[in-house]
Amino acid sequence: MPTFGQTGDQAGFSTSSIAKTAVSLATPTASGTVDSANARIWMDYGWTNVKFCIYANTGGEPGAKLAESDEFRVENTIEEAVGFVFSGANRINVTTGTSYWIGPAWDDPGESSISYSRNTTASGRRETSSYAPGLFGTPTVLSGPLDAFVTFLIPAPPATVDATDGAFFDFF
């Protein structure tokens, strides 16, 4: 399945002990339907609820939330690519050449911290101190991009009917 976003494990990482949404800009090279996502995240101890979000690109910054994955609890204490599932109306269509802001969101982890892997390129990540808000709001600009990507399904081409294969019928 095709992906868009940062699929590798980059050298940097950041930590957070508050609710947050962190996203990076990514552009699919084909059109299709969002199926799943991955982000390299881990806890120092404990657990917190997480989602993966897709935001519209509005004037070069994250705008309205277009989709979010199903929520689950992350509790792994070593860095690993965590998978997210999109279901129902959140299985949105993405368009070739259209940029989206993608990445994980987490609830307040309490006394523990969540860590997330990223690149060290200046201005490659946007963050807001809210858990998966509907409208991203005014972002904080930080180094990135995040080690996060979306997997999507490309629609099958339409079937063709060959009149010589016996599958052609006339109805009167």
N, C-alpha and C. Protein backbone atom coordinates (compact mmCIF):
# COMPACT_ATOMS: atom_id res chain seq x y z
N MET A 1 0.84 -1.19 0.00
CA MET A 1 0.00 0.00 0.00
C MET A 1 0.88 1.25 0.00
N PRO A 2 0.46 2.29 -0.69
CA PRO A 2 1.24 3.53 -0.72
C PRO A 2 1.13 4.28 0.61
N THR A 3 2.14 5.11 0.85
CA THR A 3 2.19 5.92 2.07
C THR A 3 2.55 7.35 1.72
N PHE A 4 2.31 8.25 2.66
CA PHE A 4 2.88 9.59 2.58
C PHE A 4 3.25 10.04 3.98
N GLY A 5 4.37 10.74 4.08
CA GLY A 5 4.92 11.15 5.36
C GLY A 5 6.33 10.61 5.51
N GLN A 6 6.88 10.67 6.71
CA GLN A 6 8.23 10.23 7.02
C GLN A 6 8.20 8.79 7.52
N THR A 7 8.69 7.85 6.70
CA THR A 7 8.61 6.43 7.06
C THR A 7 9.82 5.93 7.84
N GLY A 8 10.92 6.66 7.84
CA GLY A 8 12.14 6.21 8.50
C GLY A 8 12.22 6.63 9.96
N ASP A 9 13.26 6.15 10.62
CA ASP A 9 13.54 6.50 12.01
C ASP A 9 14.67 7.52 12.01
N GLN A 10 14.34 8.77 12.29
CA GLN A 10 15.31 9.85 12.23
C GLN A 10 16.05 9.99 13.56
N ALA A 11 17.03 10.88 13.59
CA ALA A 11 17.95 10.98 14.71
C ALA A 11 17.39 11.69 15.95
N GLY A 12 16.42 12.56 15.78
CA GLY A 12 15.96 13.36 16.91
C GLY A 12 14.74 12.78 17.60
N PHE A 13 14.45 13.31 18.79
CA PHE A 13 13.20 13.00 19.47
C PHE A 13 12.89 14.12 20.45
N SER A 14 11.64 14.21 20.83
CA SER A 14 11.18 15.18 21.82
C SER A 14 10.30 14.46 22.82
N THR A 15 10.09 15.09 23.98
CA THR A 15 9.22 14.52 25.00
C THR A 15 8.16 15.53 25.39
N SER A 16 7.07 15.03 25.95
CA SER A 16 5.98 15.90 26.39
C SER A 16 5.32 15.31 27.62
N SER A 17 4.99 16.18 28.56
CA SER A 17 4.27 15.74 29.76
C SER A 17 2.91 16.42 29.85
N ILE A 18 2.43 16.96 28.72
CA ILE A 18 1.10 17.59 28.66
C ILE A 18 0.36 17.08 27.42
N ALA A 19 -0.95 17.33 27.38
CA ALA A 19 -1.74 17.00 26.19
C ALA A 19 -1.20 17.80 25.01
N LYS A 20 -1.12 17.15 23.85
CA LYS A 20 -0.53 17.83 22.71
C LYS A 20 -0.93 17.14 21.42
N THR A 21 -0.88 17.88 20.32
CA THR A 21 -0.99 17.35 18.97
C THR A 21 0.23 17.85 18.21
N ALA A 22 0.95 16.95 17.56
CA ALA A 22 2.15 17.29 16.81
C ALA A 22 1.98 16.79 15.38
N VAL A 23 2.21 17.67 14.39
CA VAL A 23 1.99 17.31 12.99
C VAL A 23 3.12 17.83 12.10
N SER A 24 3.27 17.19 10.95
CA SER A 24 4.21 17.61 9.92
C SER A 24 3.49 17.58 8.58
N LEU A 25 3.99 18.37 7.64
CA LEU A 25 3.39 18.45 6.31
C LEU A 25 3.82 17.26 5.46
N ALA A 26 2.85 16.64 4.78
CA ALA A 26 3.13 15.49 3.90
C ALA A 26 2.17 15.54 2.72
N THR A 27 2.64 15.04 1.57
CA THR A 27 1.86 15.09 0.35
C THR A 27 1.84 13.74 -0.34
N PRO A 28 0.65 13.16 -0.56
CA PRO A 28 0.58 11.87 -1.28
C PRO A 28 0.89 12.04 -2.76
N THR A 29 1.49 11.01 -3.35
CA THR A 29 1.79 11.03 -4.79
C THR A 29 0.74 10.29 -5.59
N ALA A 30 -0.32 9.87 -4.94
CA ALA A 30 -1.46 9.23 -5.60
C ALA A 30 -2.70 9.56 -4.77
N SER A 31 -3.86 9.39 -5.34
CA SER A 31 -5.12 9.60 -4.62
C SER A 31 -5.61 8.26 -4.08
N GLY A 32 -6.31 8.30 -2.95
CA GLY A 32 -6.84 7.07 -2.38
C GLY A 32 -7.57 7.32 -1.08
N THR A 33 -7.89 6.24 -0.38
CA THR A 33 -8.65 6.28 0.87
C THR A 33 -7.75 5.91 2.04
N VAL A 34 -7.72 6.77 3.06
CA VAL A 34 -6.90 6.55 4.25
C VAL A 34 -7.32 5.25 4.92
N ASP A 35 -6.32 4.42 5.27
CA ASP A 35 -6.56 3.14 5.92
C ASP A 35 -5.97 3.10 7.33
N SER A 36 -4.71 3.51 7.46
CA SER A 36 -4.02 3.43 8.75
C SER A 36 -2.89 4.45 8.78
N ALA A 37 -2.19 4.48 9.91
CA ALA A 37 -1.05 5.39 10.06
C ALA A 37 -0.09 4.79 11.07
N ASN A 38 1.13 5.32 11.08
CA ASN A 38 2.15 4.92 12.04
C ASN A 38 2.88 6.15 12.55
N ALA A 39 3.29 6.10 13.81
CA ALA A 39 4.14 7.13 14.40
C ALA A 39 5.06 6.45 15.39
N ARG A 40 6.29 6.92 15.47
CA ARG A 40 7.26 6.36 16.42
C ARG A 40 7.09 7.11 17.74
N ILE A 41 6.39 6.49 18.70
CA ILE A 41 6.12 7.09 20.01
C ILE A 41 6.33 6.06 21.11
N TRP A 42 6.61 6.55 22.32
CA TRP A 42 6.79 5.66 23.47
C TRP A 42 6.67 6.46 24.76
N MET A 43 6.40 5.74 25.84
CA MET A 43 6.23 6.32 27.18
C MET A 43 7.49 6.06 28.01
N ASP A 44 7.79 6.96 28.98
CA ASP A 44 8.88 6.64 29.91
C ASP A 44 8.37 5.62 30.93
N TYR A 45 7.10 5.71 31.32
CA TYR A 45 6.39 4.71 32.11
C TYR A 45 4.92 5.08 32.06
N GLY A 46 4.06 4.21 32.49
CA GLY A 46 2.62 4.50 32.49
C GLY A 46 2.01 4.39 31.10
N TRP A 47 0.93 5.14 30.87
CA TRP A 47 0.22 5.09 29.61
C TRP A 47 -0.54 6.39 29.40
N THR A 48 -0.98 6.60 28.16
CA THR A 48 -1.89 7.70 27.84
C THR A 48 -2.68 7.33 26.59
N ASN A 49 -3.79 8.00 26.37
CA ASN A 49 -4.61 7.79 25.17
C ASN A 49 -4.01 8.57 24.01
N VAL A 50 -4.02 7.95 22.83
CA VAL A 50 -3.45 8.57 21.63
C VAL A 50 -4.39 8.40 20.44
N LYS A 51 -4.24 9.30 19.48
CA LYS A 51 -4.92 9.24 18.19
C LYS A 51 -3.92 9.72 17.14
N PHE A 52 -4.21 9.47 15.89
CA PHE A 52 -3.44 10.02 14.78
C PHE A 52 -4.38 10.95 14.03
N CYS A 53 -3.93 12.17 13.74
CA CYS A 53 -4.80 13.17 13.12
C CYS A 53 -4.29 13.60 11.75
N ILE A 54 -5.24 13.97 10.90
CA ILE A 54 -4.95 14.54 9.59
C ILE A 54 -5.67 15.89 9.53
N TYR A 55 -4.89 16.95 9.28
CA TYR A 55 -5.42 18.31 9.21
C TYR A 55 -5.25 18.87 7.80
N ALA A 56 -6.16 19.76 7.43
CA ALA A 56 -6.06 20.47 6.16
C ALA A 56 -4.87 21.42 6.21
N ASN A 57 -4.27 21.66 5.06
CA ASN A 57 -3.21 22.66 4.92
C ASN A 57 -3.88 23.97 4.55
N THR A 58 -3.85 24.92 5.46
CA THR A 58 -4.51 26.21 5.26
C THR A 58 -3.45 27.31 5.26
N GLY A 59 -3.11 27.77 4.08
CA GLY A 59 -2.11 28.83 3.97
C GLY A 59 -0.75 28.42 4.52
N GLY A 60 -0.39 27.15 4.40
CA GLY A 60 0.90 26.67 4.86
C GLY A 60 0.94 26.26 6.32
N GLU A 61 -0.20 26.29 6.99
CA GLU A 61 -0.28 25.88 8.40
C GLU A 61 -1.43 24.91 8.59
N PRO A 62 -1.41 24.11 9.68
CA PRO A 62 -2.53 23.19 9.93
C PRO A 62 -3.81 23.95 10.22
N GLY A 63 -4.91 23.49 9.61
CA GLY A 63 -6.21 24.14 9.78
C GLY A 63 -7.21 23.22 10.45
N ALA A 64 -8.29 22.92 9.74
CA ALA A 64 -9.37 22.08 10.28
C ALA A 64 -8.97 20.61 10.26
N LYS A 65 -9.40 19.88 11.28
CA LYS A 65 -9.14 18.44 11.33
C LYS A 65 -10.05 17.76 10.31
N LEU A 66 -9.44 16.94 9.45
CA LEU A 66 -10.18 16.21 8.42
C LEU A 66 -10.53 14.80 8.88
N ALA A 67 -9.66 14.20 9.70
CA ALA A 67 -9.87 12.82 10.15
C ALA A 67 -9.01 12.55 11.37
N GLU A 68 -9.45 11.56 12.16
CA GLU A 68 -8.65 11.09 13.28
C GLU A 68 -8.81 9.58 13.37
N SER A 69 -7.78 8.92 13.83
CA SER A 69 -7.82 7.46 13.98
C SER A 69 -8.66 7.09 15.20
N ASP A 70 -8.91 5.82 15.32
CA ASP A 70 -9.53 5.30 16.54
C ASP A 70 -8.55 5.56 17.69
N GLU A 71 -9.07 5.85 18.85
CA GLU A 71 -8.24 6.10 20.03
C GLU A 71 -7.81 4.78 20.66
N PHE A 72 -6.60 4.75 21.17
CA PHE A 72 -6.16 3.59 21.95
C PHE A 72 -5.14 4.05 22.98
N ARG A 73 -4.74 3.14 23.83
CA ARG A 73 -3.80 3.45 24.91
C ARG A 73 -2.39 3.03 24.49
N VAL A 74 -1.45 3.97 24.55
CA VAL A 74 -0.05 3.64 24.28
C VAL A 74 0.63 3.44 25.63
N GLU A 75 1.38 2.33 25.74
CA GLU A 75 2.08 2.05 26.99
C GLU A 75 3.45 1.41 26.77
N ASN A 76 3.89 1.30 25.50
CA ASN A 76 5.22 0.76 25.24
C ASN A 76 6.27 1.72 25.80
N THR A 77 7.35 1.16 26.38
CA THR A 77 8.38 1.99 26.99
C THR A 77 9.68 2.00 26.19
N ILE A 78 9.65 1.46 24.99
CA ILE A 78 10.79 1.58 24.07
C ILE A 78 10.27 2.17 22.76
N GLU A 79 11.16 2.84 22.06
CA GLU A 79 10.75 3.45 20.79
C GLU A 79 10.33 2.38 19.81
N GLU A 80 9.15 2.56 19.23
CA GLU A 80 8.67 1.66 18.18
C GLU A 80 7.61 2.38 17.35
N ALA A 81 7.42 1.87 16.13
CA ALA A 81 6.38 2.40 15.26
C ALA A 81 5.04 1.86 15.75
N VAL A 82 4.19 2.74 16.21
CA VAL A 82 2.88 2.36 16.72
C VAL A 82 1.86 2.54 15.60
N GLY A 83 1.00 1.54 15.38
CA GLY A 83 0.01 1.59 14.32
C GLY A 83 -1.31 2.16 14.80
N PHE A 84 -1.94 2.96 13.95
CA PHE A 84 -3.24 3.58 14.20
C PHE A 84 -4.21 3.12 13.12
N VAL A 85 -5.47 2.91 13.48
CA VAL A 85 -6.49 2.45 12.54
C VAL A 85 -7.52 3.55 12.34
N PHE A 86 -7.88 3.80 11.08
CA PHE A 86 -8.96 4.74 10.75
C PHE A 86 -10.20 3.93 10.41
N SER A 87 -11.35 4.34 10.91
CA SER A 87 -12.59 3.61 10.62
C SER A 87 -13.72 4.58 10.31
N GLY A 88 -14.79 4.04 9.73
CA GLY A 88 -15.99 4.83 9.45
C GLY A 88 -15.71 6.07 8.61
N ALA A 89 -16.31 7.19 9.01
CA ALA A 89 -16.18 8.45 8.28
C ALA A 89 -14.76 9.00 8.29
N ASN A 90 -13.90 8.50 9.15
CA ASN A 90 -12.51 8.95 9.20
C ASN A 90 -11.64 8.34 8.12
N ARG A 91 -12.19 7.43 7.34
CA ARG A 91 -11.46 6.87 6.19
C ARG A 91 -11.65 7.82 5.00
N ILE A 92 -11.05 8.99 5.12
CA ILE A 92 -11.23 10.05 4.12
C ILE A 92 -10.43 9.75 2.86
N ASN A 93 -10.79 10.43 1.78
CA ASN A 93 -10.03 10.37 0.54
C ASN A 93 -8.96 11.45 0.57
N VAL A 94 -7.75 11.08 0.15
CA VAL A 94 -6.66 12.03 -0.01
C VAL A 94 -6.38 12.17 -1.50
N THR A 95 -5.86 13.34 -1.88
CA THR A 95 -5.71 13.67 -3.29
C THR A 95 -4.25 13.89 -3.66
N THR A 96 -3.85 13.33 -4.79
CA THR A 96 -2.51 13.51 -5.33
C THR A 96 -2.12 14.98 -5.31
N GLY A 97 -0.93 15.27 -4.79
CA GLY A 97 -0.40 16.62 -4.82
C GLY A 97 -0.97 17.58 -3.79
N THR A 98 -1.96 17.17 -3.02
CA THR A 98 -2.53 18.02 -1.97
C THR A 98 -1.77 17.75 -0.67
N SER A 99 -1.29 18.79 -0.02
CA SER A 99 -0.54 18.63 1.23
C SER A 99 -1.49 18.55 2.42
N TYR A 100 -1.14 17.69 3.38
CA TYR A 100 -1.89 17.50 4.62
C TYR A 100 -0.92 17.58 5.79
N TRP A 101 -1.40 18.00 6.94
CA TRP A 101 -0.62 17.98 8.17
C TRP A 101 -1.01 16.72 8.92
N ILE A 102 -0.03 15.85 9.22
CA ILE A 102 -0.33 14.55 9.82
C ILE A 102 0.53 14.32 11.06
N GLY A 103 -0.03 13.60 12.04
CA GLY A 103 0.77 13.23 13.19
C GLY A 103 -0.06 12.81 14.39
N PRO A 104 0.62 12.40 15.46
CA PRO A 104 -0.06 11.89 16.64
C PRO A 104 -0.55 12.99 17.58
N ALA A 105 -1.56 12.63 18.35
CA ALA A 105 -2.08 13.49 19.42
C ALA A 105 -2.18 12.62 20.65
N TRP A 106 -1.92 13.19 21.81
CA TRP A 106 -2.01 12.42 23.05
C TRP A 106 -2.64 13.24 24.14
N ASP A 107 -3.34 12.53 25.01
CA ASP A 107 -3.95 13.12 26.19
C ASP A 107 -2.86 13.37 27.23
N ASP A 108 -3.15 14.16 28.23
CA ASP A 108 -2.20 14.45 29.30
C ASP A 108 -1.71 13.15 29.93
N PRO A 109 -0.40 12.85 29.85
CA PRO A 109 0.09 11.59 30.40
C PRO A 109 0.29 11.59 31.92
N GLY A 110 -0.17 12.63 32.60
CA GLY A 110 -0.03 12.68 34.05
C GLY A 110 1.41 12.94 34.46
N GLU A 111 1.91 12.13 35.38
CA GLU A 111 3.28 12.32 35.87
C GLU A 111 4.33 11.76 34.93
N SER A 112 3.93 10.95 33.97
CA SER A 112 4.89 10.39 33.02
C SER A 112 5.01 11.29 31.80
N SER A 113 5.85 10.88 30.85
CA SER A 113 6.05 11.63 29.61
C SER A 113 5.95 10.70 28.42
N ILE A 114 5.51 11.26 27.30
CA ILE A 114 5.51 10.54 26.03
C ILE A 114 6.64 11.12 25.18
N SER A 115 7.30 10.28 24.42
CA SER A 115 8.37 10.71 23.51
C SER A 115 7.96 10.40 22.09
N TYR A 116 8.45 11.20 21.15
CA TYR A 116 8.13 11.02 19.74
C TYR A 116 9.36 11.31 18.91
N SER A 117 9.60 10.43 17.94
CA SER A 117 10.77 10.50 17.09
C SER A 117 10.55 11.50 15.96
N ARG A 118 11.63 12.18 15.57
CA ARG A 118 11.53 13.21 14.54
C ARG A 118 12.89 13.48 13.91
N ASN A 119 12.86 14.22 12.83
CA ASN A 119 14.06 14.71 12.19
C ASN A 119 14.47 16.00 12.90
N THR A 120 15.59 16.58 12.51
CA THR A 120 16.06 17.80 13.18
C THR A 120 16.03 19.02 12.26
N THR A 121 15.30 18.94 11.15
CA THR A 121 15.18 20.07 10.23
C THR A 121 14.38 21.19 10.89
N ALA A 122 14.89 22.40 10.85
CA ALA A 122 14.19 23.54 11.44
C ALA A 122 12.82 23.72 10.78
N SER A 123 11.84 24.04 11.57
CA SER A 123 10.48 24.38 11.13
C SER A 123 9.72 23.21 10.51
N GLY A 124 10.10 21.97 10.76
CA GLY A 124 9.45 20.82 10.14
C GLY A 124 8.27 20.27 10.90
N ARG A 125 7.89 20.87 12.03
CA ARG A 125 6.81 20.34 12.87
C ARG A 125 6.01 21.49 13.45
N ARG A 126 4.70 21.23 13.63
CA ARG A 126 3.81 22.18 14.29
C ARG A 126 3.16 21.47 15.48
N GLU A 127 3.02 22.19 16.59
CA GLU A 127 2.40 21.62 17.78
C GLU A 127 1.37 22.59 18.36
N THR A 128 0.37 21.99 19.00
CA THR A 128 -0.60 22.74 19.78
C THR A 128 -0.82 21.97 21.08
N SER A 129 -1.05 22.69 22.16
CA SER A 129 -1.21 22.06 23.48
C SER A 129 -2.65 21.66 23.74
N SER A 130 -3.21 20.88 22.80
CA SER A 130 -4.56 20.34 22.92
C SER A 130 -4.55 18.92 22.35
N TYR A 131 -5.46 18.10 22.86
CA TYR A 131 -5.57 16.73 22.40
C TYR A 131 -6.53 16.66 21.21
N ALA A 132 -5.98 16.56 19.99
CA ALA A 132 -6.73 16.39 18.75
C ALA A 132 -7.85 17.41 18.56
N PRO A 133 -7.54 18.72 18.63
CA PRO A 133 -8.60 19.72 18.48
C PRO A 133 -9.20 19.71 17.06
N GLY A 134 -10.45 20.14 16.95
CA GLY A 134 -11.12 20.22 15.66
C GLY A 134 -10.48 21.23 14.73
N LEU A 135 -10.05 22.35 15.29
CA LEU A 135 -9.32 23.38 14.55
C LEU A 135 -7.96 23.51 15.23
N PHE A 136 -6.89 23.38 14.48
CA PHE A 136 -5.55 23.31 15.06
C PHE A 136 -5.21 24.53 15.90
N GLY A 137 -5.58 25.71 15.45
CA GLY A 137 -5.26 26.94 16.19
C GLY A 137 -3.87 27.44 15.85
N THR A 138 -3.36 28.36 16.66
CA THR A 138 -2.05 28.94 16.43
C THR A 138 -0.96 27.95 16.84
N PRO A 139 -0.16 27.49 15.87
CA PRO A 139 0.83 26.46 16.19
C PRO A 139 2.13 27.02 16.74
N THR A 140 2.85 26.17 17.46
CA THR A 140 4.23 26.41 17.81
C THR A 140 5.06 25.72 16.73
N VAL A 141 6.04 26.43 16.17
CA VAL A 141 6.87 25.90 15.09
C VAL A 141 8.15 25.33 15.70
N LEU A 142 8.42 24.04 15.41
CA LEU A 142 9.57 23.35 15.99
C LEU A 142 10.26 22.48 14.94
N SER A 143 11.38 21.85 15.31
CA SER A 143 12.12 20.98 14.40
C SER A 143 11.36 19.70 14.11
N GLY A 144 11.55 19.18 12.92
CA GLY A 144 10.88 17.96 12.48
C GLY A 144 11.42 17.57 11.13
N PRO A 145 10.71 16.88 10.29
CA PRO A 145 9.35 16.38 10.47
C PRO A 145 9.30 15.17 11.41
N LEU A 146 8.10 14.86 11.86
CA LEU A 146 7.87 13.71 12.71
C LEU A 146 8.09 12.41 11.94
N ASP A 147 8.47 11.38 12.66
CA ASP A 147 8.54 10.04 12.06
C ASP A 147 7.13 9.47 12.10
N ALA A 148 6.34 9.88 11.13
CA ALA A 148 4.92 9.51 11.06
C ALA A 148 4.50 9.46 9.60
N PHE A 149 3.63 8.49 9.28
CA PHE A 149 3.14 8.39 7.91
C PHE A 149 1.75 7.78 7.88
N VAL A 150 1.07 8.04 6.77
CA VAL A 150 -0.29 7.53 6.52
C VAL A 150 -0.21 6.49 5.42
N THR A 151 -0.95 5.41 5.58
CA THR A 151 -1.09 4.38 4.56
C THR A 151 -2.48 4.50 3.96
N PHE A 152 -2.57 4.44 2.62
CA PHE A 152 -3.87 4.60 1.98
C PHE A 152 -4.06 3.58 0.87
N LEU A 153 -5.31 3.36 0.52
CA LEU A 153 -5.69 2.40 -0.51
C LEU A 153 -5.99 3.13 -1.80
N ILE A 154 -5.45 2.64 -2.90
CA ILE A 154 -5.75 3.20 -4.22
C ILE A 154 -6.92 2.42 -4.79
N PRO A 155 -7.94 3.11 -5.29
CA PRO A 155 -9.09 2.39 -5.83
C PRO A 155 -8.71 1.54 -7.03
N ALA A 156 -9.36 0.39 -7.15
CA ALA A 156 -9.13 -0.48 -8.29
C ALA A 156 -9.71 0.16 -9.54
N PRO A 157 -9.07 -0.04 -10.69
CA PRO A 157 -9.63 0.52 -11.93
C PRO A 157 -10.98 -0.15 -12.22
N PRO A 158 -11.86 0.53 -12.91
CA PRO A 158 -13.16 -0.07 -13.23
C PRO A 158 -12.99 -1.30 -14.12
N ALA A 159 -13.82 -2.28 -13.89
CA ALA A 159 -13.78 -3.50 -14.69
C ALA A 159 -14.32 -3.20 -16.09
N THR A 160 -13.78 -3.88 -17.06
CA THR A 160 -14.28 -3.74 -18.42
C THR A 160 -15.04 -5.01 -18.78
N VAL A 161 -16.02 -4.87 -19.63
CA VAL A 161 -16.81 -6.03 -20.07
C VAL A 161 -16.41 -6.36 -21.48
N ASP A 162 -16.05 -7.59 -21.68
CA ASP A 162 -15.68 -8.08 -23.00
C ASP A 162 -16.88 -8.88 -23.53
N ALA A 163 -17.48 -8.41 -24.59
CA ALA A 163 -18.69 -9.05 -25.14
C ALA A 163 -18.43 -10.47 -25.64
N THR A 164 -17.17 -10.84 -25.79
CA THR A 164 -16.87 -12.19 -26.29
C THR A 164 -16.72 -13.21 -25.18
N ASP A 165 -16.77 -12.79 -23.92
CA ASP A 165 -16.55 -13.76 -22.84
C ASP A 165 -17.83 -14.37 -22.30
N GLY A 166 -18.96 -14.11 -22.93
CA GLY A 166 -20.23 -14.70 -22.50
C GLY A 166 -20.87 -13.95 -21.34
N ALA A 167 -20.33 -12.81 -20.96
CA ALA A 167 -20.87 -12.07 -19.83
C ALA A 167 -21.77 -10.93 -20.27
N PHE A 168 -22.10 -10.88 -21.53
CA PHE A 168 -22.93 -9.80 -22.06
C PHE A 168 -24.35 -10.31 -22.22
N PHE A 169 -25.31 -9.56 -21.70
CA PHE A 169 -26.72 -9.96 -21.77
C PHE A 169 -27.55 -8.84 -22.35
N ASP A 170 -28.55 -9.21 -23.08
CA ASP A 170 -29.55 -8.24 -23.55
C ASP A 170 -30.81 -8.47 -22.74
N PHE A 171 -31.40 -7.38 -22.24
CA PHE A 171 -32.65 -7.48 -21.50
C PHE A 171 -33.73 -6.76 -22.29
N PHE A 172 -34.89 -7.44 -22.49
CA PHE A 172 -36.00 -6.85 -23.24
C PHE A 172 -37.19 -6.68 -22.33
